[in-house]
N, C-alpha and C. Protein backbone atom coordinates (compact mmCIF):
# COMPACT_ATOMS: atom_id res chain seq x y z
N MET A 1 -39.14 34.44 30.42
CA MET A 1 -37.99 33.61 30.54
C MET A 1 -38.37 32.12 30.43
N ARG A 2 -39.52 31.79 31.01
CA ARG A 2 -39.95 30.45 30.93
C ARG A 2 -40.23 29.99 29.51
N SER A 3 -40.78 30.90 28.68
CA SER A 3 -41.10 30.53 27.27
C SER A 3 -39.78 30.35 26.51
N LEU A 4 -38.73 31.12 26.85
CA LEU A 4 -37.43 30.89 26.22
C LEU A 4 -36.88 29.58 26.51
N VAL A 5 -36.95 29.16 27.73
CA VAL A 5 -36.51 27.83 28.16
C VAL A 5 -37.26 26.75 27.43
N LEU A 6 -38.59 26.92 27.34
CA LEU A 6 -39.46 25.95 26.68
C LEU A 6 -39.04 25.85 25.17
N VAL A 7 -38.83 27.00 24.50
CA VAL A 7 -38.45 26.99 23.06
C VAL A 7 -37.08 26.29 22.93
N CYS A 8 -36.13 26.58 23.76
CA CYS A 8 -34.82 25.97 23.72
C CYS A 8 -34.90 24.45 23.89
N ALA A 9 -35.79 23.98 24.82
CA ALA A 9 -35.96 22.57 25.08
C ALA A 9 -36.60 21.89 23.85
N MET A 10 -37.56 22.57 23.19
CA MET A 10 -38.17 22.01 22.01
C MET A 10 -37.18 21.91 20.83
N LEU A 11 -36.36 22.97 20.70
CA LEU A 11 -35.37 22.96 19.63
C LEU A 11 -34.35 21.89 19.82
N SER A 12 -33.97 21.65 21.06
CA SER A 12 -33.02 20.52 21.38
C SER A 12 -33.63 19.20 21.07
N ALA A 13 -34.87 19.00 21.39
CA ALA A 13 -35.52 17.74 21.08
C ALA A 13 -35.60 17.52 19.58
N VAL A 14 -35.94 18.54 18.85
CA VAL A 14 -36.00 18.48 17.38
C VAL A 14 -34.62 18.15 16.84
N SER A 15 -33.62 18.86 17.32
CA SER A 15 -32.24 18.59 16.87
C SER A 15 -31.79 17.15 17.14
N ILE A 16 -32.12 16.61 18.32
CA ILE A 16 -31.76 15.25 18.64
C ILE A 16 -32.45 14.30 17.70
N SER A 17 -33.79 14.53 17.47
CA SER A 17 -34.51 13.57 16.56
C SER A 17 -33.97 13.65 15.15
N VAL A 18 -33.55 14.82 14.68
CA VAL A 18 -33.01 14.94 13.31
C VAL A 18 -31.66 14.22 13.26
N LEU A 19 -30.80 14.37 14.29
CA LEU A 19 -29.55 13.68 14.28
C LEU A 19 -29.74 12.21 14.34
N ALA A 20 -30.66 11.71 15.09
CA ALA A 20 -30.98 10.30 15.20
C ALA A 20 -31.43 9.77 13.82
N ALA A 21 -32.29 10.50 13.17
CA ALA A 21 -32.79 10.11 11.83
C ALA A 21 -31.66 10.07 10.86
N ASP A 22 -30.75 11.01 10.90
CA ASP A 22 -29.57 11.04 9.98
C ASP A 22 -28.68 9.84 10.22
N SER A 23 -28.49 9.44 11.49
CA SER A 23 -27.60 8.30 11.76
C SER A 23 -28.26 7.00 11.36
N ASP A 24 -29.61 6.96 11.26
CA ASP A 24 -30.30 5.78 10.87
C ASP A 24 -30.11 5.52 9.39
N LYS A 25 -29.97 6.52 8.55
CA LYS A 25 -29.73 6.32 7.08
C LYS A 25 -28.20 6.56 6.87
N LYS A 26 -27.40 5.65 7.30
CA LYS A 26 -25.97 5.78 7.13
C LYS A 26 -25.61 5.75 5.65
N VAL A 27 -24.75 6.62 5.31
CA VAL A 27 -24.29 6.73 3.89
C VAL A 27 -23.22 5.59 3.64
N ASP A 28 -23.51 4.80 2.61
CA ASP A 28 -22.51 3.82 2.26
C ASP A 28 -21.61 4.43 1.20
N ARG A 29 -20.61 5.15 1.66
CA ARG A 29 -19.71 5.94 0.78
C ARG A 29 -18.98 5.00 -0.14
N GLU A 30 -18.58 3.83 0.33
CA GLU A 30 -17.85 2.91 -0.51
C GLU A 30 -18.75 2.50 -1.74
N ALA A 31 -19.99 2.19 -1.49
CA ALA A 31 -20.89 1.86 -2.54
C ALA A 31 -21.08 3.01 -3.52
N GLN A 32 -21.20 4.22 -3.01
CA GLN A 32 -21.35 5.39 -3.82
C GLN A 32 -20.13 5.55 -4.72
N GLU A 33 -18.90 5.38 -4.14
CA GLU A 33 -17.69 5.55 -4.87
C GLU A 33 -17.60 4.52 -6.02
N LYS A 34 -17.97 3.24 -5.68
CA LYS A 34 -17.91 2.19 -6.73
C LYS A 34 -18.88 2.52 -7.82
N ALA A 35 -20.09 3.00 -7.51
CA ALA A 35 -21.07 3.38 -8.54
C ALA A 35 -20.58 4.49 -9.38
N PHE A 36 -19.94 5.51 -8.76
CA PHE A 36 -19.38 6.68 -9.48
C PHE A 36 -18.25 6.20 -10.43
N ALA A 37 -17.37 5.35 -9.95
CA ALA A 37 -16.29 4.88 -10.79
C ALA A 37 -16.84 4.10 -11.99
N SER A 38 -17.87 3.27 -11.71
CA SER A 38 -18.45 2.50 -12.81
C SER A 38 -19.16 3.37 -13.81
N LYS A 39 -19.85 4.42 -13.34
CA LYS A 39 -20.55 5.34 -14.19
C LYS A 39 -19.59 6.10 -15.15
N LEU A 40 -18.44 6.47 -14.62
CA LEU A 40 -17.47 7.22 -15.46
C LEU A 40 -16.58 6.37 -16.33
N THR A 41 -16.27 5.16 -15.88
CA THR A 41 -15.36 4.31 -16.67
C THR A 41 -16.00 3.95 -18.00
N GLU A 42 -15.27 4.11 -19.09
CA GLU A 42 -15.71 3.91 -20.45
C GLU A 42 -17.02 4.70 -20.72
N SER A 43 -16.93 5.97 -20.44
CA SER A 43 -18.09 6.86 -20.68
C SER A 43 -17.66 8.08 -21.46
N THR A 44 -18.63 8.87 -21.86
CA THR A 44 -18.34 10.11 -22.54
C THR A 44 -19.20 11.21 -21.85
N LEU A 45 -18.61 12.31 -21.50
CA LEU A 45 -19.39 13.45 -21.00
C LEU A 45 -19.77 14.22 -22.27
N ALA A 46 -21.03 14.18 -22.60
CA ALA A 46 -21.48 14.77 -23.86
C ALA A 46 -22.42 15.91 -23.52
N GLY A 47 -22.01 17.15 -23.91
CA GLY A 47 -22.82 18.30 -23.58
C GLY A 47 -22.37 19.56 -24.27
N PHE A 48 -22.32 20.63 -23.54
CA PHE A 48 -22.03 21.92 -24.06
C PHE A 48 -21.15 22.74 -23.09
N PHE A 49 -20.54 23.76 -23.58
CA PHE A 49 -19.89 24.73 -22.72
C PHE A 49 -20.15 26.13 -23.20
N SER A 50 -20.11 27.07 -22.23
CA SER A 50 -20.27 28.48 -22.57
C SER A 50 -19.02 29.23 -22.25
N LEU A 51 -18.89 30.43 -22.81
CA LEU A 51 -17.73 31.32 -22.47
C LEU A 51 -18.27 32.54 -21.74
N ASP A 52 -17.59 32.88 -20.66
CA ASP A 52 -17.94 34.07 -19.91
C ASP A 52 -17.85 35.28 -20.86
N GLY A 53 -18.82 36.20 -20.75
CA GLY A 53 -18.80 37.39 -21.56
C GLY A 53 -19.42 37.15 -22.91
N LYS A 54 -19.75 35.92 -23.27
CA LYS A 54 -20.38 35.61 -24.56
C LYS A 54 -21.67 34.88 -24.32
N GLU A 55 -22.42 35.29 -23.31
CA GLU A 55 -23.67 34.60 -22.96
C GLU A 55 -24.70 34.55 -24.07
N SER A 56 -24.66 35.56 -24.98
CA SER A 56 -25.64 35.57 -26.02
C SER A 56 -25.24 34.71 -27.23
N ALA A 57 -23.96 34.26 -27.22
CA ALA A 57 -23.46 33.39 -28.37
C ALA A 57 -24.04 32.00 -28.13
N PRO A 58 -24.16 31.22 -29.27
CA PRO A 58 -24.67 29.88 -29.10
C PRO A 58 -23.67 29.04 -28.24
N ASN A 59 -24.24 28.14 -27.48
CA ASN A 59 -23.36 27.21 -26.69
C ASN A 59 -22.62 26.28 -27.59
N LYS A 60 -21.42 25.94 -27.19
CA LYS A 60 -20.63 25.09 -28.03
C LYS A 60 -20.68 23.64 -27.59
N PRO A 61 -20.79 22.71 -28.51
CA PRO A 61 -20.82 21.28 -28.16
C PRO A 61 -19.47 20.86 -27.59
N ASP A 62 -19.56 19.93 -26.69
CA ASP A 62 -18.33 19.49 -25.95
C ASP A 62 -18.44 17.97 -25.68
N ARG A 63 -17.34 17.24 -25.78
CA ARG A 63 -17.29 15.83 -25.50
C ARG A 63 -15.95 15.50 -24.86
N TYR A 64 -15.99 14.71 -23.72
CA TYR A 64 -14.83 14.28 -23.03
C TYR A 64 -14.96 12.73 -22.92
N GLN A 65 -14.05 12.03 -23.51
CA GLN A 65 -14.10 10.58 -23.40
C GLN A 65 -13.24 10.13 -22.17
N ILE A 66 -13.97 9.41 -21.27
CA ILE A 66 -13.28 8.96 -20.03
C ILE A 66 -13.01 7.43 -20.23
N VAL A 67 -11.72 7.09 -20.09
CA VAL A 67 -11.29 5.65 -20.19
C VAL A 67 -11.55 4.97 -18.89
N SER A 68 -11.17 5.61 -17.77
CA SER A 68 -11.37 5.01 -16.42
C SER A 68 -11.40 6.02 -15.32
N ALA A 69 -12.04 5.64 -14.24
CA ALA A 69 -12.03 6.47 -13.05
C ALA A 69 -11.77 5.54 -11.84
N LYS A 70 -10.71 5.83 -11.07
CA LYS A 70 -10.34 4.97 -9.97
C LYS A 70 -10.01 5.76 -8.79
N LYS A 71 -10.57 5.36 -7.67
CA LYS A 71 -10.28 6.01 -6.37
C LYS A 71 -8.92 5.58 -5.90
N LEU A 72 -8.13 6.56 -5.45
CA LEU A 72 -6.83 6.29 -4.84
C LEU A 72 -6.97 6.27 -3.34
N ASN A 73 -6.53 7.31 -2.67
CA ASN A 73 -6.63 7.40 -1.21
C ASN A 73 -7.35 8.69 -0.83
N GLY A 74 -8.12 8.68 0.24
CA GLY A 74 -8.82 9.92 0.69
C GLY A 74 -9.72 10.40 -0.43
N ASP A 75 -9.56 11.68 -0.80
CA ASP A 75 -10.39 12.32 -1.82
C ASP A 75 -9.75 12.23 -3.21
N ASP A 76 -8.57 11.60 -3.32
CA ASP A 76 -7.85 11.55 -4.57
C ASP A 76 -8.33 10.46 -5.50
N TRP A 77 -8.56 10.77 -6.76
CA TRP A 77 -8.98 9.88 -7.80
C TRP A 77 -8.11 10.11 -8.96
N VAL A 78 -7.91 9.04 -9.80
CA VAL A 78 -7.25 9.19 -11.08
C VAL A 78 -8.28 8.97 -12.14
N ILE A 79 -8.46 10.00 -12.95
CA ILE A 79 -9.39 9.96 -14.12
C ILE A 79 -8.50 9.94 -15.34
N THR A 80 -8.64 8.91 -16.14
CA THR A 80 -7.89 8.80 -17.38
C THR A 80 -8.80 9.16 -18.53
N SER A 81 -8.41 10.15 -19.25
CA SER A 81 -9.20 10.64 -20.38
C SER A 81 -8.48 10.50 -21.69
N LYS A 82 -9.20 10.33 -22.75
CA LYS A 82 -8.60 10.24 -24.03
C LYS A 82 -8.67 11.68 -24.64
N MET A 83 -7.51 12.22 -24.98
CA MET A 83 -7.46 13.58 -25.47
C MET A 83 -6.73 13.59 -26.77
N LYS A 84 -7.00 14.56 -27.63
CA LYS A 84 -6.36 14.67 -28.91
C LYS A 84 -5.24 15.73 -28.71
N ILE A 85 -3.98 15.28 -28.99
CA ILE A 85 -2.87 16.16 -28.95
C ILE A 85 -2.25 16.09 -30.34
N GLY A 86 -2.33 17.18 -31.09
CA GLY A 86 -1.92 17.18 -32.48
C GLY A 86 -2.79 16.28 -33.24
N GLU A 87 -2.26 15.30 -33.88
CA GLU A 87 -3.04 14.31 -34.66
C GLU A 87 -3.30 13.03 -33.89
N ASN A 88 -2.75 12.90 -32.67
CA ASN A 88 -2.78 11.67 -31.96
C ASN A 88 -3.85 11.73 -30.77
N GLN A 89 -4.51 10.56 -30.55
CA GLN A 89 -5.36 10.35 -29.38
C GLN A 89 -4.47 9.75 -28.27
N VAL A 90 -4.44 10.38 -27.13
CA VAL A 90 -3.58 9.96 -26.10
C VAL A 90 -4.40 9.80 -24.78
N ASP A 91 -4.14 8.70 -24.02
CA ASP A 91 -4.76 8.54 -22.74
C ASP A 91 -3.96 9.28 -21.74
N ILE A 92 -4.60 10.23 -21.03
CA ILE A 92 -3.93 11.07 -20.05
C ILE A 92 -4.55 10.88 -18.67
N PRO A 93 -3.76 10.29 -17.74
CA PRO A 93 -4.28 10.16 -16.36
C PRO A 93 -4.08 11.45 -15.58
N ILE A 94 -5.11 11.83 -14.91
CA ILE A 94 -5.05 13.06 -14.11
C ILE A 94 -5.53 12.77 -12.70
N VAL A 95 -4.71 13.12 -11.70
CA VAL A 95 -5.17 12.99 -10.31
C VAL A 95 -5.94 14.21 -9.91
N ILE A 96 -7.18 14.00 -9.47
CA ILE A 96 -8.03 15.06 -9.03
C ILE A 96 -8.66 14.76 -7.71
N LYS A 97 -9.26 15.76 -7.09
CA LYS A 97 -10.03 15.55 -5.86
C LYS A 97 -11.51 15.31 -6.23
N VAL A 98 -12.14 14.40 -5.48
CA VAL A 98 -13.59 14.20 -5.62
C VAL A 98 -14.15 14.38 -4.19
N TYR A 99 -14.95 15.33 -4.00
CA TYR A 99 -15.59 15.56 -2.69
C TYR A 99 -17.04 15.19 -2.86
N TRP A 100 -17.71 14.87 -1.71
CA TRP A 100 -19.12 14.49 -1.73
C TRP A 100 -19.95 15.44 -0.96
N ALA A 101 -21.04 15.85 -1.63
CA ALA A 101 -22.09 16.68 -0.98
C ALA A 101 -23.24 15.69 -0.85
N ASP A 102 -23.38 15.06 0.28
CA ASP A 102 -24.39 14.00 0.49
C ASP A 102 -24.16 12.89 -0.48
N ASP A 103 -25.06 12.67 -1.44
CA ASP A 103 -24.85 11.61 -2.38
C ASP A 103 -24.33 12.07 -3.77
N THR A 104 -23.81 13.26 -3.81
CA THR A 104 -23.40 13.92 -5.01
C THR A 104 -21.90 14.14 -5.14
N PRO A 105 -21.26 13.47 -6.08
CA PRO A 105 -19.76 13.72 -6.21
C PRO A 105 -19.47 14.98 -6.95
N VAL A 106 -18.44 15.66 -6.53
CA VAL A 106 -18.05 16.92 -7.10
C VAL A 106 -16.52 16.81 -7.43
N MET A 107 -16.14 16.85 -8.67
CA MET A 107 -14.74 16.86 -9.08
C MET A 107 -14.20 18.21 -8.86
N SER A 108 -12.97 18.29 -8.32
CA SER A 108 -12.33 19.60 -8.07
C SER A 108 -10.88 19.55 -8.51
N LEU A 109 -10.54 20.47 -9.40
CA LEU A 109 -9.12 20.62 -9.67
C LEU A 109 -8.88 22.16 -9.76
N THR A 110 -7.66 22.50 -9.25
CA THR A 110 -7.29 23.93 -9.20
C THR A 110 -5.90 24.09 -9.75
N ASP A 111 -5.80 24.93 -10.75
CA ASP A 111 -4.51 25.30 -11.41
C ASP A 111 -3.69 24.09 -11.75
N LEU A 112 -4.33 23.13 -12.42
CA LEU A 112 -3.60 21.94 -12.85
C LEU A 112 -3.03 22.22 -14.29
N THR A 113 -1.73 22.09 -14.37
CA THR A 113 -1.06 22.31 -15.66
C THR A 113 -0.87 20.97 -16.39
N ILE A 114 -1.37 20.88 -17.60
CA ILE A 114 -1.19 19.69 -18.41
C ILE A 114 -0.20 20.16 -19.51
N PRO A 115 0.98 19.58 -19.54
CA PRO A 115 2.01 20.01 -20.50
C PRO A 115 1.41 19.94 -21.93
N GLY A 116 1.69 21.04 -22.66
CA GLY A 116 1.23 21.17 -24.02
C GLY A 116 -0.19 21.57 -24.15
N MET A 117 -0.93 21.71 -23.01
CA MET A 117 -2.36 22.03 -23.13
C MET A 117 -2.67 23.32 -22.30
N GLY A 118 -2.01 23.56 -21.23
CA GLY A 118 -2.29 24.70 -20.40
C GLY A 118 -2.64 24.37 -18.99
N THR A 119 -3.14 25.42 -18.29
CA THR A 119 -3.50 25.30 -16.88
C THR A 119 -5.03 25.41 -16.74
N PHE A 120 -5.56 24.49 -15.92
CA PHE A 120 -7.04 24.35 -15.85
C PHE A 120 -7.48 24.37 -14.36
N THR A 121 -8.69 24.94 -14.18
CA THR A 121 -9.36 24.85 -12.91
C THR A 121 -10.82 24.53 -13.25
N ALA A 122 -11.36 23.59 -12.44
CA ALA A 122 -12.81 23.25 -12.73
C ALA A 122 -13.45 22.69 -11.46
N ARG A 123 -14.76 22.80 -11.39
CA ARG A 123 -15.61 22.19 -10.39
C ARG A 123 -16.76 21.59 -11.19
N VAL A 124 -16.89 20.28 -11.10
CA VAL A 124 -17.94 19.61 -11.89
C VAL A 124 -18.70 18.64 -10.96
N MET A 125 -20.03 18.86 -10.90
CA MET A 125 -20.91 18.04 -10.11
C MET A 125 -21.66 17.02 -10.92
N PHE A 126 -21.84 15.80 -10.39
CA PHE A 126 -22.57 14.73 -11.12
C PHE A 126 -23.73 14.31 -10.29
N TYR A 127 -24.90 14.19 -10.99
CA TYR A 127 -26.10 13.73 -10.30
C TYR A 127 -26.90 12.92 -11.33
N GLY A 128 -27.20 11.67 -11.01
CA GLY A 128 -27.83 10.86 -12.04
C GLY A 128 -26.95 10.72 -13.23
N ASP A 129 -27.50 10.91 -14.39
CA ASP A 129 -26.73 10.86 -15.64
C ASP A 129 -26.33 12.23 -16.13
N ARG A 130 -26.40 13.25 -15.27
CA ARG A 130 -26.12 14.62 -15.64
C ARG A 130 -24.88 15.14 -14.97
N TYR A 131 -24.18 16.10 -15.59
CA TYR A 131 -23.09 16.83 -14.97
C TYR A 131 -23.25 18.27 -15.28
N ALA A 132 -22.71 19.11 -14.40
CA ALA A 132 -22.73 20.55 -14.58
C ALA A 132 -21.56 21.15 -13.77
N GLY A 133 -21.00 22.25 -14.26
CA GLY A 133 -19.90 22.81 -13.51
C GLY A 133 -19.42 24.10 -14.14
N THR A 134 -18.24 24.54 -13.63
CA THR A 134 -17.56 25.65 -14.10
C THR A 134 -16.12 25.30 -14.50
N TRP A 135 -15.56 26.01 -15.42
CA TRP A 135 -14.17 25.69 -15.89
C TRP A 135 -13.44 27.00 -16.14
N GLN A 136 -12.16 26.89 -16.04
CA GLN A 136 -11.25 28.01 -16.32
C GLN A 136 -10.01 27.44 -17.00
N HIS A 137 -9.64 28.05 -18.15
CA HIS A 137 -8.39 27.68 -18.85
C HIS A 137 -7.68 28.98 -19.19
N GLY A 138 -6.67 29.28 -18.38
CA GLY A 138 -5.97 30.56 -18.55
C GLY A 138 -6.99 31.68 -18.34
N GLU A 139 -7.04 32.60 -19.28
CA GLU A 139 -7.91 33.76 -19.20
C GLU A 139 -9.39 33.44 -19.52
N LYS A 140 -9.61 32.29 -20.15
CA LYS A 140 -11.00 31.96 -20.59
C LYS A 140 -11.67 31.05 -19.57
N GLY A 141 -12.96 31.23 -19.44
CA GLY A 141 -13.75 30.31 -18.50
C GLY A 141 -15.20 30.36 -18.83
N GLY A 142 -15.91 29.58 -18.15
CA GLY A 142 -17.38 29.51 -18.38
C GLY A 142 -18.02 28.38 -17.63
N HIS A 143 -19.10 27.88 -18.22
CA HIS A 143 -19.85 26.80 -17.58
C HIS A 143 -19.83 25.60 -18.60
N MET A 144 -20.07 24.41 -17.96
CA MET A 144 -20.20 23.19 -18.82
C MET A 144 -21.31 22.37 -18.23
N TRP A 145 -21.98 21.62 -19.12
CA TRP A 145 -23.12 20.79 -18.66
C TRP A 145 -23.43 19.73 -19.72
N GLY A 146 -24.07 18.66 -19.28
CA GLY A 146 -24.47 17.70 -20.26
C GLY A 146 -24.88 16.35 -19.53
N ILE A 147 -24.70 15.27 -20.31
CA ILE A 147 -25.09 13.97 -19.79
C ILE A 147 -23.85 13.03 -19.85
N VAL A 148 -23.89 11.98 -19.00
CA VAL A 148 -22.89 10.94 -19.02
C VAL A 148 -23.43 9.79 -19.87
N GLU A 149 -22.73 9.50 -21.00
CA GLU A 149 -23.13 8.39 -21.83
C GLU A 149 -22.14 7.29 -21.71
N LYS A 150 -22.60 6.04 -21.64
CA LYS A 150 -21.73 4.93 -21.60
C LYS A 150 -21.17 4.69 -23.03
N SER A 151 -19.84 4.49 -23.19
CA SER A 151 -19.22 4.26 -24.45
C SER A 151 -18.95 2.77 -24.58
N SER A 152 -18.81 2.38 -25.87
CA SER A 152 -18.33 1.09 -26.10
C SER A 152 -16.99 1.23 -26.89
N PRO A 153 -15.99 0.47 -26.60
CA PRO A 153 -14.72 0.67 -27.23
C PRO A 153 -14.79 0.72 -28.72
N LYS A 154 -15.70 0.00 -29.40
CA LYS A 154 -15.84 0.01 -30.85
C LYS A 154 -16.21 1.37 -31.41
N ASN A 155 -17.12 2.05 -30.73
CA ASN A 155 -17.61 3.31 -31.29
C ASN A 155 -17.24 4.50 -30.47
N SER A 156 -15.99 4.51 -29.98
CA SER A 156 -15.54 5.65 -29.14
C SER A 156 -15.61 6.97 -29.91
N PRO A 157 -16.13 7.99 -29.24
CA PRO A 157 -16.26 9.32 -29.89
C PRO A 157 -14.95 9.94 -30.21
N LYS A 158 -14.90 10.73 -31.20
CA LYS A 158 -13.65 11.50 -31.55
C LYS A 158 -13.75 12.83 -30.87
N ASN A 159 -12.64 13.28 -30.25
CA ASN A 159 -12.60 14.57 -29.59
C ASN A 159 -12.13 15.66 -30.62
């Protein structure tokens, strides 16, 4: 019984020191959000996507041009992307959730319908200059990954 009390006391001391260390390195969420907005504004997500059930097929190249990323309130952000609809390039603002896992932002959208394009669900994590996630568009889905490239308005990529 005595050893059980001693183990509990040691675990409590370790827990308190871990909590104290965590509070010493306060997360500056506002700075992280500003850095994330800056990273995505005028950028291109350049990478690949895969299709579920077609793992042996070659991965398909993928590019998303982001015009701007702005935090609204709480976890809500508006991400404005340039998308091709028919023959036209159109800026489409989409309100999504961005959650934080420590210093890592994760975009989350569930069953978002974009008129003329369909319904989408995605979870995309960003770390450094990389992104990775899962996507679903109707019956099709898979994975997506790549790098975040800064764009210049003069040489914007074509989708």
